[in-house]
């Protein structure tokens, strides 16, 4: 493709009616390239294979990224209030954080949940909680992301069943289910079942989305948690894309043609503090995904080759010391995500090293995105750093490192990225590499070879009073438990038991479990009851110790 051909596609698309000029009035072109238009095919043009410069020919001139703020705390009613505040402040979509018991498939009244209910996210036990969580929010008009993995299928079933009870058509629901179970074994450690039956559930959701919910992203393949656990940018890139390839293989083994599901796979990357490396990471990710989908998996639909991703600024980069400085860190990281071409973005709040964000801190984080979008001019040009000798070299280096890791995974799996993932999880290869990288970074910080402002240098001000923090009380926990117990007392227990027996029988076959799950949650069966029922069939995973 030539520059002239790209411009025709650009001009054929919808462009926001703005003055594209600097503050001094200098005109700004949508794209910059060598004057002779001769670009390396590995870089290409925006909206064209291999998508190094972006997946859309008009970039942010056509449409800004979705400002999708992550929120969840206390009871569903508490989080519903925060959701409405985010939407009123200009947020473009919702992203739901669940508490630890929910993430682990436990009910709020489980003995293992004591002290954790509503602490790091919202507690969701039944479809009634889902109803309260999204009360008075139009689910056909507001896209919703849910960061949930081991219990992703039953939580999604609750979301779908609740939306339908509110009058929505499931085919019109848009959003994203994280549902990335491989990275749980590799980094985040929130699993319930062994890897193979867990992958069966992921394939069930991919198939169900393809058949029933064409606007839904059934898996958000997440490098974010891999990076938060201590990986390097190269490891985040490689492990995340390798997991994506494994999900593609799991779905194709189910008999699904790649072009019928791959366009609805999405990604979730970290925006860390090493500014240029992060930008290069996103550009390399797009190029790798496009090439592998075309050459290895036979994709023909360009949408199957387009890597679309959400970005969240790095929680692990935030400091408890001098927390206001985190506003600057978040702004820089968000800018990297934007210059890297993200499709949606969450900006962390300044207080998140200490607690869940207050309303004020969350609003400042959202305003940071709005300043980037509307005041800085960075959205006027597509891939403004494309062609930079430094950025292009970093992009190539990260791609080469990732390919080396892909080769190892494929070799272990006898050519299969899926089997390689299973084998290397069992060996502790991912876990060991991430741990080694985290250890090396901490050694540099402790030795002063890596400066973290307020931590190992520039510490004046650390003694000042801390900022106001959001507090989750034991009363919030008791309120949620009381609500759950009331639901259990009021429901038809016979219908619950019958639905769970049907779910268990389906799990013993090769049947897709989404419909039995939806039937179960409609009876007001709880997350814990559903997960326990499946665990009786699938077993529970126990990670072996690694040396």
Protein backbone atom coordinates (compact mmCIF):
# COMPACT_ATOMS: atom_id res chain seq x y z
CA UNK A 1 0.00 0.00 0.00
CA UNK A 2 1.15 3.51 -0.80
CA UNK A 3 0.65 6.68 1.19
CA UNK A 4 -1.90 7.80 -1.38
CA UNK A 5 -3.92 4.61 -0.90
CA UNK A 6 -3.84 5.08 2.86
CA UNK A 7 -5.07 8.66 2.49
CA UNK A 8 -8.07 7.49 0.44
CA UNK A 9 -9.09 5.17 3.29
CA UNK A 10 -8.48 7.92 5.82
CA UNK A 11 -10.62 10.42 3.92
CA UNK A 12 -13.37 7.84 3.41
CA UNK A 13 -13.77 7.41 7.17
CA UNK A 14 -15.46 9.59 9.74
CA UNK A 15 -13.21 12.32 11.15
CA UNK A 16 -14.02 14.47 14.17
CA UNK A 17 -14.75 18.06 13.19
CA UNK A 18 -11.85 19.81 14.92
CA UNK A 19 -9.12 22.29 14.10
CA UNK A 20 -6.05 20.14 13.53
CA UNK A 21 -3.37 22.66 14.29
CA UNK A 22 -0.92 23.54 17.03
CA UNK A 23 -1.72 26.20 19.62
CA UNK A 24 0.30 28.59 17.44
CA UNK A 25 -1.97 27.83 14.50
CA UNK A 26 0.46 25.64 12.55
CA UNK A 27 -1.37 22.98 10.49
CA UNK A 28 -0.94 19.36 11.56
CA UNK A 29 -1.18 16.51 9.06
CA UNK A 30 -2.88 13.27 10.13
CA UNK A 31 0.19 11.16 9.36
CA UNK A 32 3.89 11.70 8.86
CA UNK A 33 6.18 9.46 6.81
CA UNK A 34 9.29 9.80 4.63
CA UNK A 35 8.78 12.39 1.90
CA UNK A 36 9.12 9.76 -0.79
CA UNK A 37 6.50 7.62 0.95
CA UNK A 38 8.92 4.69 1.10
CA UNK A 39 8.34 2.88 4.40
CA UNK A 40 9.49 -0.56 5.47
CA UNK A 41 6.73 -3.14 5.08
CA UNK A 42 7.18 -4.13 8.74
CA UNK A 43 6.07 -0.61 9.68
CA UNK A 44 3.45 -0.07 7.00
CA UNK A 45 0.50 2.30 7.24
CA UNK A 46 -2.22 2.78 9.85
CA UNK A 47 -5.17 0.46 9.40
CA UNK A 48 -3.19 -1.91 7.19
CA UNK A 49 -1.33 -5.17 7.78
CA UNK A 50 0.83 -5.62 9.85
CA UNK A 51 -0.83 -2.80 11.85
CA UNK A 52 2.40 -1.59 13.47
CA UNK A 53 1.09 1.97 13.20
CA UNK A 54 -2.42 1.19 14.43
CA UNK A 55 -5.51 -0.80 13.54
CA UNK A 56 -7.59 2.14 12.25
CA UNK A 57 -6.69 4.31 9.23
CA UNK A 58 -8.01 7.43 10.99
CA UNK A 59 -6.57 6.82 14.47
CA UNK A 60 -7.88 9.13 17.18
CA UNK A 61 -8.93 11.66 14.56
CA UNK A 62 -11.80 9.30 13.87
CA UNK A 63 -12.59 8.31 17.44
CA UNK A 64 -10.95 8.78 20.82
CA UNK A 65 -10.14 5.82 23.01
CA UNK A 66 -12.81 4.72 25.51
CA UNK A 67 -12.11 6.16 28.95
CA UNK A 68 -13.00 3.00 30.84
CA UNK A 69 -12.43 3.54 34.56
CA UNK A 70 -12.00 0.48 36.78
CA UNK A 71 -14.23 0.57 39.88
CA UNK A 72 -15.54 -1.74 42.54
CA UNK A 73 -15.75 -1.69 46.33
CA UNK A 74 -18.00 -2.68 49.19
CA UNK A 75 -21.51 -3.74 48.25
CA UNK A 76 -23.06 -3.66 44.77
CA UNK A 77 -25.05 -0.59 45.81
CA UNK A 78 -21.82 1.25 46.73
CA UNK A 79 -20.23 0.45 43.38
CA UNK A 80 -23.37 1.35 41.45
CA UNK A 81 -23.11 4.84 42.93
CA UNK A 82 -19.46 5.09 41.82
CA UNK A 83 -20.36 3.84 38.33
CA UNK A 84 -22.89 6.62 37.96
CA UNK A 85 -20.34 9.18 39.17
CA UNK A 86 -17.86 7.98 36.54
CA UNK A 87 -20.42 8.18 33.75
CA UNK A 88 -21.53 11.64 34.89
CA UNK A 89 -17.89 12.81 34.89
CA UNK A 90 -17.44 11.80 31.26
CA UNK A 91 -16.33 8.17 31.48
CA UNK A 92 -17.14 6.27 28.30
CA UNK A 93 -17.51 2.73 29.67
CA UNK A 94 -17.54 0.71 32.87
CA UNK A 95 -14.95 -1.72 34.18
CA UNK A 96 -15.84 -3.83 37.19
CA UNK A 97 -13.42 -4.85 39.94
CA UNK A 98 -14.55 -7.78 42.08
CA UNK A 99 -13.46 -8.53 45.63
CA UNK A 100 -11.15 -11.40 46.50
CA UNK A 101 -13.86 -13.88 47.58
CA UNK A 102 -15.68 -13.39 44.28
CA UNK A 103 -12.42 -13.73 42.32
CA UNK A 104 -11.76 -17.02 44.11
CA UNK A 105 -15.32 -18.33 43.58
CA UNK A 106 -16.32 -17.98 47.24
CA UNK A 107 -19.53 -16.61 48.73
CA UNK A 108 -19.40 -13.68 51.11
CA UNK A 109 -20.55 -15.87 54.01
CA UNK A 110 -17.83 -18.48 53.43
CA UNK A 111 -15.43 -18.83 56.35
CA UNK A 112 -12.53 -18.13 53.98
CA UNK A 113 -14.08 -14.77 53.03
CA UNK A 114 -13.95 -13.24 56.51
CA UNK A 115 -12.32 -9.80 56.41
CA UNK A 116 -12.09 -9.68 52.61
CA UNK A 117 -15.67 -8.95 51.55
CA UNK A 118 -15.77 -5.76 49.47
CA UNK A 119 -12.16 -4.87 50.30
CA UNK A 120 -10.42 -4.94 46.93
CA UNK A 121 -13.52 -4.79 44.76
CA UNK A 122 -17.25 -5.34 44.83
CA UNK A 123 -18.82 -8.44 46.36
CA UNK A 124 -21.09 -10.38 43.98
CA UNK A 125 -22.77 -13.55 45.22
CA UNK A 126 -25.96 -13.88 43.18
CA UNK A 127 -27.86 -12.43 40.24
CA UNK A 128 -29.54 -10.08 42.72
CA UNK A 129 -26.15 -8.47 43.34
CA UNK A 130 -25.67 -8.11 39.59
CA UNK A 131 -29.04 -6.37 39.43
CA UNK A 132 -28.01 -3.90 42.14
CA UNK A 133 -24.57 -3.39 40.61
CA UNK A 134 -25.95 -2.19 37.27
CA UNK A 135 -29.22 -0.72 38.51
CA UNK A 136 -30.53 2.13 36.35
CA UNK A 137 -27.67 1.70 33.82
CA UNK A 138 -28.65 0.92 30.23
CA UNK A 139 -26.63 -2.22 29.52
CA UNK A 140 -27.42 -2.12 25.79
CA UNK A 141 -25.91 1.37 25.54
CA UNK A 142 -23.01 1.14 28.02
CA UNK A 143 -20.18 -1.29 27.31
CA UNK A 144 -19.07 -3.16 30.40
CA UNK A 145 -15.80 -4.88 31.22
CA UNK A 146 -15.51 -7.44 34.03
CA UNK A 147 -12.14 -8.39 35.49
CA UNK A 148 -12.90 -11.95 36.52
CA UNK A 149 -11.16 -15.19 35.61
CA UNK A 150 -11.70 -18.48 37.44
CA UNK A 151 -15.45 -17.80 38.00
CA UNK A 152 -15.73 -15.84 34.73
CA UNK A 153 -18.35 -18.12 33.17
CA UNK A 154 -20.85 -18.03 36.09
CA UNK A 155 -20.32 -14.29 36.63
CA UNK A 156 -20.94 -13.68 32.93
CA UNK A 157 -24.03 -15.89 33.15
CA UNK A 158 -25.29 -13.62 35.95
CA UNK A 159 -24.61 -10.53 33.86
CA UNK A 160 -26.46 -11.94 30.84
CA UNK A 161 -29.41 -13.28 32.83
CA UNK A 162 -29.77 -10.02 34.76
CA UNK A 163 -29.64 -7.92 31.58
CA UNK A 164 -32.36 -10.09 30.08
CA UNK A 165 -34.49 -9.80 33.21
CA UNK A 166 -34.17 -6.02 32.80
CA UNK A 167 -35.44 -6.30 29.21
CA UNK A 168 -32.16 -6.28 27.26
CA UNK A 169 -31.44 -8.46 24.24
CA UNK A 170 -28.27 -10.49 24.83
CA UNK A 171 -27.24 -10.03 21.20
CA UNK A 172 -27.09 -6.26 21.77
CA UNK A 173 -24.91 -6.39 24.88
CA UNK A 174 -21.39 -5.08 24.37
CA UNK A 175 -18.42 -5.50 26.65
CA UNK A 176 -15.47 -7.61 27.66
CA UNK A 177 -14.96 -10.59 29.92
CA UNK A 178 -11.36 -10.92 31.07
CA UNK A 179 -11.61 -14.71 31.32
CA UNK A 180 -7.83 -15.17 30.91
CA UNK A 181 -7.19 -18.21 33.06
CA UNK A 182 -3.68 -19.03 31.80
CA UNK A 183 -2.18 -15.90 33.30
CA UNK A 184 -3.68 -16.87 36.67
CA UNK A 185 -1.42 -19.92 36.84
CA UNK A 186 1.49 -17.86 35.55
CA UNK A 187 1.17 -14.73 37.67
CA UNK A 188 -1.97 -13.71 39.55
CA UNK A 189 -2.75 -17.03 41.31
CA UNK A 190 -6.56 -16.71 41.40
CA UNK A 191 -7.51 -20.15 40.15
CA UNK A 192 -10.00 -22.82 41.22
CA UNK A 193 -9.88 -25.71 38.74
CA UNK A 194 -6.87 -27.34 37.00
CA UNK A 195 -5.74 -25.75 33.74
CA UNK A 196 -7.39 -28.15 31.28
CA UNK A 197 -11.00 -27.99 32.57
CA UNK A 198 -10.50 -24.26 33.07
CA UNK A 199 -9.61 -23.95 29.38
CA UNK A 200 -12.77 -25.92 28.56
CA UNK A 201 -14.79 -23.14 30.23
CA UNK A 202 -12.92 -20.48 28.27
CA UNK A 203 -13.69 -22.30 25.01
CA UNK A 204 -17.35 -22.52 26.10
CA UNK A 205 -17.51 -18.74 26.50
CA UNK A 206 -15.79 -18.12 23.16
CA UNK A 207 -18.28 -20.41 21.44
CA UNK A 208 -21.27 -18.89 23.23
CA UNK A 209 -20.19 -15.35 22.35
CA UNK A 210 -19.75 -16.30 18.70
CA UNK A 211 -23.22 -17.81 18.53
CA UNK A 212 -25.22 -15.56 20.85
CA UNK A 213 -23.39 -12.30 21.62
CA UNK A 214 -21.59 -10.90 18.58
CA UNK A 215 -20.75 -7.58 20.27
CA UNK A 216 -19.00 -9.21 23.24
CA UNK A 217 -15.26 -9.81 23.68
CA UNK A 218 -15.22 -13.23 25.32
CA UNK A 219 -11.55 -13.14 26.39
CA UNK A 220 -9.33 -10.19 27.25
CA UNK A 221 -5.87 -11.70 27.12
CA UNK A 222 -4.07 -9.94 29.92
CA UNK A 223 -0.45 -9.00 30.22
CA UNK A 224 -1.32 -6.52 32.93
CA UNK A 225 -1.13 -8.97 35.82
CA UNK A 226 1.98 -10.63 34.40
CA UNK A 227 3.70 -7.24 34.50
CA UNK A 228 2.34 -6.38 37.94
CA UNK A 229 3.85 -9.64 39.23
CA UNK A 230 7.29 -8.41 38.19
CA UNK A 231 7.89 -9.40 34.57
CA UNK A 232 9.84 -7.33 32.08
CA UNK A 233 8.11 -5.63 29.14
CA UNK A 234 9.45 -8.35 26.84
CA UNK A 235 8.06 -11.11 29.05
CA UNK A 236 4.70 -9.34 29.32
CA UNK A 237 4.60 -9.09 25.53
CA UNK A 238 5.65 -12.70 24.89
CA UNK A 239 3.62 -14.46 27.59
CA UNK A 240 0.49 -12.49 26.75
CA UNK A 241 0.58 -13.14 23.01
CA UNK A 242 1.54 -16.78 23.56
CA UNK A 243 -1.52 -17.14 25.78
CA UNK A 244 -3.57 -15.57 23.01
CA UNK A 245 -2.28 -18.17 20.57
CA UNK A 246 -3.21 -20.88 23.07
CA UNK A 247 -6.80 -19.61 23.25
CA UNK A 248 -6.97 -19.58 19.45
CA UNK A 249 -5.86 -23.21 19.42
CA UNK A 250 -8.36 -24.16 22.13
CA UNK A 251 -11.20 -22.64 20.12
CA UNK A 252 -10.14 -24.15 16.81
CA UNK A 253 -9.89 -27.56 18.49
CA UNK A 254 -13.55 -27.01 19.39
CA UNK A 255 -14.19 -26.81 15.65
CA UNK A 256 -14.65 -23.05 15.44
CA UNK A 257 -13.27 -21.41 12.27
CA UNK A 258 -10.67 -18.85 13.30
CA UNK A 259 -12.29 -15.93 11.49
CA UNK A 260 -15.59 -16.56 13.29
CA UNK A 261 -14.22 -15.85 16.77
CA UNK A 262 -10.80 -14.18 16.56
CA UNK A 263 -12.17 -10.68 15.78
CA UNK A 264 -13.76 -10.66 19.26
CA UNK A 265 -10.57 -11.52 21.14
CA UNK A 266 -9.04 -8.49 22.81
CA UNK A 267 -5.96 -7.73 24.89
CA UNK A 268 -5.15 -5.91 28.12
CA UNK A 269 -1.68 -4.45 28.62
CA UNK A 270 0.14 -2.61 31.35
CA UNK A 271 1.32 0.96 30.79
CA UNK A 272 4.50 1.04 32.85
CA UNK A 273 6.87 3.88 33.58
CA UNK A 274 9.60 3.25 30.95
CA UNK A 275 7.94 5.55 28.42
CA UNK A 276 9.47 4.60 25.07
CA UNK A 277 9.72 0.88 25.83
CA UNK A 278 5.98 0.78 26.53
CA UNK A 279 5.13 2.48 23.23
CA UNK A 280 7.38 0.05 21.37
CA UNK A 281 5.75 -2.87 23.20
CA UNK A 282 2.29 -2.01 21.88
CA UNK A 283 3.56 -1.54 18.33
CA UNK A 284 5.40 -4.88 18.44
CA UNK A 285 2.31 -6.60 19.85
CA UNK A 286 0.17 -5.52 16.92
CA UNK A 287 2.74 -6.66 14.40
CA UNK A 288 3.34 -10.05 16.02
CA UNK A 289 -0.36 -10.83 16.40
CA UNK A 290 -1.10 -9.92 12.78
CA UNK A 291 1.71 -12.08 11.43
CA UNK A 292 0.94 -15.11 13.60
CA UNK A 293 -2.79 -14.99 12.94
CA UNK A 294 -2.16 -14.86 9.20
CA UNK A 295 0.79 -17.22 8.84
CA UNK A 296 0.27 -19.72 11.67
CA UNK A 297 -3.50 -19.86 12.09
CA UNK A 298 -4.68 -19.12 8.56
CA UNK A 299 -6.80 -16.07 9.35
CA UNK A 300 -8.11 -14.30 6.26
CA UNK A 301 -10.39 -11.68 7.82
CA UNK A 302 -8.29 -8.56 8.55
CA UNK A 303 -10.24 -8.14 11.81
CA UNK A 304 -8.77 -11.43 13.04
CA UNK A 305 -5.31 -9.95 12.58
CA UNK A 306 -6.04 -6.65 14.33
CA UNK A 307 -4.84 -6.61 17.92
CA UNK A 308 -7.20 -4.36 19.87
CA UNK A 309 -6.23 -3.61 23.44
CA UNK A 310 -7.18 -1.94 26.69
CA UNK A 311 -4.49 -0.30 28.78
CA UNK A 312 -4.22 0.33 32.49
CA UNK A 313 -1.48 2.39 34.05
CA UNK A 314 0.89 0.45 36.30
CA UNK A 315 -0.35 -0.06 39.82
CA UNK A 316 2.99 -1.52 40.87
CA UNK A 317 4.74 1.74 39.89
CA UNK A 318 2.72 3.76 42.41
CA UNK A 319 4.21 4.58 45.80
CA UNK A 320 2.73 4.97 49.26
CA UNK A 321 5.34 7.67 49.87
CA UNK A 322 4.33 11.13 48.60
CA UNK A 323 1.25 9.70 46.85
CA UNK A 324 0.46 12.94 44.99
CA UNK A 325 3.50 12.22 42.79
CA UNK A 326 1.54 9.25 41.47
CA UNK A 327 -0.58 11.69 39.46
CA UNK A 328 2.52 12.51 37.40
CA UNK A 329 3.44 8.83 37.02
CA UNK A 330 -0.06 7.98 35.85
CA UNK A 331 -0.12 10.84 33.33
CA UNK A 332 3.17 9.70 31.78
CA UNK A 333 2.06 6.09 31.61
CA UNK A 334 -1.30 7.06 30.13
CA UNK A 335 0.48 9.11 27.47
CA UNK A 336 2.51 6.02 26.54
CA UNK A 337 -0.72 4.06 26.12
CA UNK A 338 -2.18 6.76 23.89
CA UNK A 339 0.94 7.14 21.77
CA UNK A 340 0.98 3.34 21.49
CA UNK A 341 -2.54 3.35 20.06
CA UNK A 342 -4.72 1.89 22.82
CA UNK A 343 -8.46 1.43 22.22
CA UNK A 344 -9.44 2.04 25.83
CA UNK A 345 -7.68 3.26 28.95
CA UNK A 346 -7.94 3.18 32.72
CA UNK A 347 -5.84 5.61 34.70
CA UNK A 348 -4.96 4.60 38.26
CA UNK A 349 -5.68 6.97 41.12
CA UNK A 350 -2.97 8.53 43.25
CA UNK A 351 -4.08 6.71 46.41
CA UNK A 352 -4.13 3.14 45.08
CA UNK A 353 -0.87 2.14 46.77
CA UNK A 354 -2.72 2.72 50.03
CA UNK A 355 -6.38 1.89 49.48
CA UNK A 356 -9.19 1.75 46.97
CA UNK A 357 -9.58 5.17 45.34
CA UNK A 358 -11.73 7.91 46.78
CA UNK A 359 -14.23 9.66 44.52
CA UNK A 360 -11.91 12.69 44.27
CA UNK A 361 -8.85 10.62 43.38
CA UNK A 362 -10.79 8.66 40.75
CA UNK A 363 -12.06 11.90 39.23
CA UNK A 364 -8.52 13.31 38.99
CA UNK A 365 -7.44 10.09 37.25
CA UNK A 366 -10.25 10.44 34.71
CA UNK A 367 -9.48 14.14 34.22
CA UNK A 368 -5.90 13.12 33.39
CA UNK A 369 -7.20 11.21 30.38
CA UNK A 370 -9.40 14.12 29.37
CA UNK A 371 -6.45 16.53 29.47
CA UNK A 372 -4.47 14.17 27.21
CA UNK A 373 -7.39 13.83 24.81
CA UNK A 374 -8.44 17.46 24.56
CA UNK A 375 -5.52 19.72 25.48
CA UNK A 376 -2.22 18.21 24.38
CA UNK A 377 -2.65 17.64 20.65
CA UNK A 378 -1.37 14.05 20.84
CA UNK A 379 -4.57 12.75 19.26
CA UNK A 380 -4.11 14.84 16.10
CA UNK A 381 -1.46 12.61 14.53
CA UNK A 382 -1.52 8.87 13.93
CA UNK A 383 1.46 7.06 15.49
CA UNK A 384 3.44 10.31 15.93
CA UNK A 385 6.58 8.42 17.02
CA UNK A 386 6.53 6.07 14.03
CA UNK A 387 9.81 6.32 12.15
CA UNK A 388 11.76 7.33 15.24
CA UNK A 389 15.04 5.45 15.05
CA UNK A 390 14.86 4.75 18.78
CA UNK A 391 11.24 3.60 18.86
CA UNK A 392 11.56 1.46 15.73
CA UNK A 393 14.70 -0.22 17.10
CA UNK A 394 12.99 -0.90 20.44
CA UNK A 395 9.99 -2.32 18.59
CA UNK A 396 12.24 -4.69 16.64
CA UNK A 397 14.17 -5.76 19.75
CA UNK A 398 11.03 -6.53 21.75
CA UNK A 399 9.62 -8.49 18.82
CA UNK A 400 12.81 -10.55 18.56
CA UNK A 401 12.83 -11.32 22.30
CA UNK A 402 9.20 -12.40 22.14
CA UNK A 403 9.85 -14.69 19.18
CA UNK A 404 12.64 -16.41 21.12
CA UNK A 405 10.21 -17.16 23.94
CA UNK A 406 7.54 -18.35 21.49
CA UNK A 407 10.03 -20.83 20.06
CA UNK A 408 10.64 -22.32 23.49
CA UNK A 409 6.92 -22.62 24.29
CA UNK A 410 6.17 -24.25 20.93
CA UNK A 411 9.11 -26.65 21.26
CA UNK A 412 7.95 -27.82 24.68
CA UNK A 413 4.43 -28.26 23.30
CA UNK A 414 5.60 -30.21 20.23
CA UNK A 415 4.44 -27.37 18.03
CA UNK A 416 1.36 -26.45 20.06
CA UNK A 417 1.31 -23.20 22.01
CA UNK A 418 -1.61 -24.57 24.04
CA UNK A 419 0.19 -27.75 25.09
CA UNK A 420 3.37 -25.75 25.66
CA UNK A 421 1.48 -23.47 28.05
CA UNK A 422 0.14 -26.43 30.02
CA UNK A 423 3.58 -28.06 30.26
CA UNK A 424 5.43 -24.88 31.25
CA UNK A 425 2.85 -23.93 33.86
CA UNK A 426 3.37 -27.35 35.40
CA UNK A 427 7.15 -26.87 35.27
CA UNK A 428 6.94 -23.40 36.83
CA UNK A 429 8.75 -21.82 33.87
CA UNK A 430 6.57 -18.72 33.63
CA UNK A 431 6.46 -18.30 37.38
CA UNK A 432 10.23 -18.64 37.70
CA UNK A 433 11.00 -16.16 34.94
CA UNK A 434 8.67 -13.56 36.41
CA UNK A 435 10.08 -14.06 39.91
CA UNK A 436 13.66 -13.70 38.64
CA UNK A 437 12.79 -10.46 36.83
CA UNK A 438 11.06 -9.03 39.91
CA UNK A 439 14.07 -9.92 42.04
CA UNK A 440 16.52 -8.27 39.62
CA UNK A 441 14.47 -5.08 39.61
CA UNK A 442 14.33 -4.94 43.41
CA UNK A 443 18.10 -5.44 43.62
CA UNK A 444 18.58 -2.39 41.39
CA UNK A 445 16.24 -0.31 43.54
CA UNK A 446 17.90 -1.42 46.77
CA UNK A 447 21.34 -0.66 45.34
CA UNK A 448 20.22 2.76 44.15
CA UNK A 449 20.88 1.91 40.50
CA UNK A 450 17.20 2.46 39.76
CA UNK A 451 15.73 5.59 41.36
CA UNK A 452 12.14 5.54 42.60
CA UNK A 453 11.27 9.06 43.67
CA UNK A 454 10.21 9.21 47.30
CA UNK A 455 11.36 5.65 47.98
CA UNK A 456 15.15 5.49 47.61
CA UNK A 457 15.83 9.15 46.74
CA UNK A 458 14.17 12.56 47.05
CA UNK A 459 12.48 11.46 50.25
CA UNK A 460 11.94 14.86 51.79
CA UNK A 461 8.20 15.19 52.27
CA UNK A 462 7.68 11.56 53.24
CA UNK A 463 7.00 12.65 56.80
CA UNK A 464 3.99 14.76 55.82
CA UNK A 465 0.43 13.72 56.66
CA UNK A 466 -1.14 11.19 54.32
CA UNK A 467 -4.11 11.93 52.08
CA UNK A 468 -7.70 10.97 52.88
CA UNK A 469 -8.44 7.32 52.13
CA UNK A 470 -11.53 5.29 51.34
CA UNK A 471 -12.36 2.88 54.16
CA UNK A 472 -14.33 -0.34 53.80
CA UNK A 473 -15.87 -1.22 57.16
CA UNK A 474 -16.93 -4.46 58.79
CA UNK A 475 -20.46 -3.06 58.63
CA UNK A 476 -20.24 -3.19 54.81
CA UNK A 477 -19.24 -6.84 55.02
CA UNK A 478 -22.05 -7.69 57.39
CA UNK A 479 -24.55 -5.88 55.17
CA UNK A 480 -23.52 -8.00 52.19
CA UNK A 481 -23.68 -11.25 54.21
CA UNK A 482 -27.13 -10.34 55.54
CA UNK A 483 -28.39 -9.69 52.01
CA UNK A 484 -27.00 -13.02 50.83
CA UNK A 485 -28.59 -14.95 53.66
CA UNK A 486 -31.94 -13.30 52.95
CA UNK A 487 -31.74 -14.31 49.29
CA UNK A 488 -31.00 -17.90 50.30
CA UNK A 489 -33.98 -17.89 52.66
CA UNK A 490 -36.39 -16.51 50.06
CA UNK A 491 -35.41 -18.55 46.99
CA UNK A 492 -36.87 -21.86 45.82
CA UNK A 493 -34.23 -24.28 47.11
CA UNK A 494 -35.67 -27.15 45.13
CA UNK A 495 -35.17 -25.20 41.89
CA UNK A 496 -31.61 -24.39 42.92
CA UNK A 497 -30.79 -28.02 43.66
CA UNK A 498 -32.34 -29.18 40.38
CA UNK A 499 -30.37 -26.61 38.35
CA UNK A 500 -27.07 -27.52 40.04
CA UNK A 501 -27.63 -31.23 39.38
CA UNK A 502 -28.25 -30.43 35.71
CA UNK A 503 -25.08 -28.34 35.64
CA UNK A 504 -23.07 -31.18 37.17
CA UNK A 505 -24.37 -33.67 34.62
CA UNK A 506 -23.58 -31.29 31.75
CA UNK A 507 -20.04 -30.80 33.11
CA UNK A 508 -19.50 -34.55 32.88
CA UNK A 509 -20.12 -34.35 29.13
CA UNK A 510 -18.63 -32.20 26.36
CA UNK A 511 -21.65 -29.88 26.35
CA UNK A 512 -21.22 -26.11 26.38
CA UNK A 513 -21.91 -25.05 29.97
CA UNK A 514 -23.12 -21.49 29.40
CA UNK A 515 -26.83 -22.35 29.13
CA UNK A 516 -26.81 -24.59 32.25
CA UNK A 517 -24.96 -21.78 34.05
CA UNK A 518 -27.57 -19.22 33.01
CA UNK A 519 -30.31 -21.58 34.17
CA UNK A 520 -28.52 -21.97 37.52
CA UNK A 521 -28.06 -18.28 38.23
CA UNK A 522 -31.72 -17.58 37.38
CA UNK A 523 -32.69 -19.74 40.38
CA UNK A 524 -30.49 -17.48 42.57
CA UNK A 525 -27.76 -20.12 42.93
CA UNK A 526 -24.64 -18.45 44.30
CA UNK A 527 -21.16 -18.16 42.83
CA UNK A 528 -19.83 -20.43 45.57
CA UNK A 529 -22.47 -23.10 45.02
CA UNK A 530 -21.84 -23.14 41.27
CA UNK A 531 -18.05 -23.31 41.65
CA UNK A 532 -18.32 -26.09 44.23
CA UNK A 533 -20.59 -28.04 41.87
CA UNK A 534 -18.08 -27.75 39.04
CA UNK A 535 -15.16 -28.55 41.35
CA UNK A 536 -16.76 -31.89 42.18
CA UNK A 537 -16.41 -32.75 38.48
CA UNK A 538 -13.24 -30.88 37.52
CA UNK A 539 -11.26 -31.10 40.77
CA UNK A 540 -9.34 -28.25 42.42
CA UNK A 541 -5.90 -27.07 41.40
CA UNK A 542 -2.99 -27.14 43.81
CA UNK A 543 0.22 -25.52 42.61
CA UNK A 544 3.26 -27.59 43.41
CA UNK A 545 6.26 -25.89 45.00
CA UNK A 546 9.00 -24.69 42.66
CA UNK A 547 12.65 -24.30 43.57
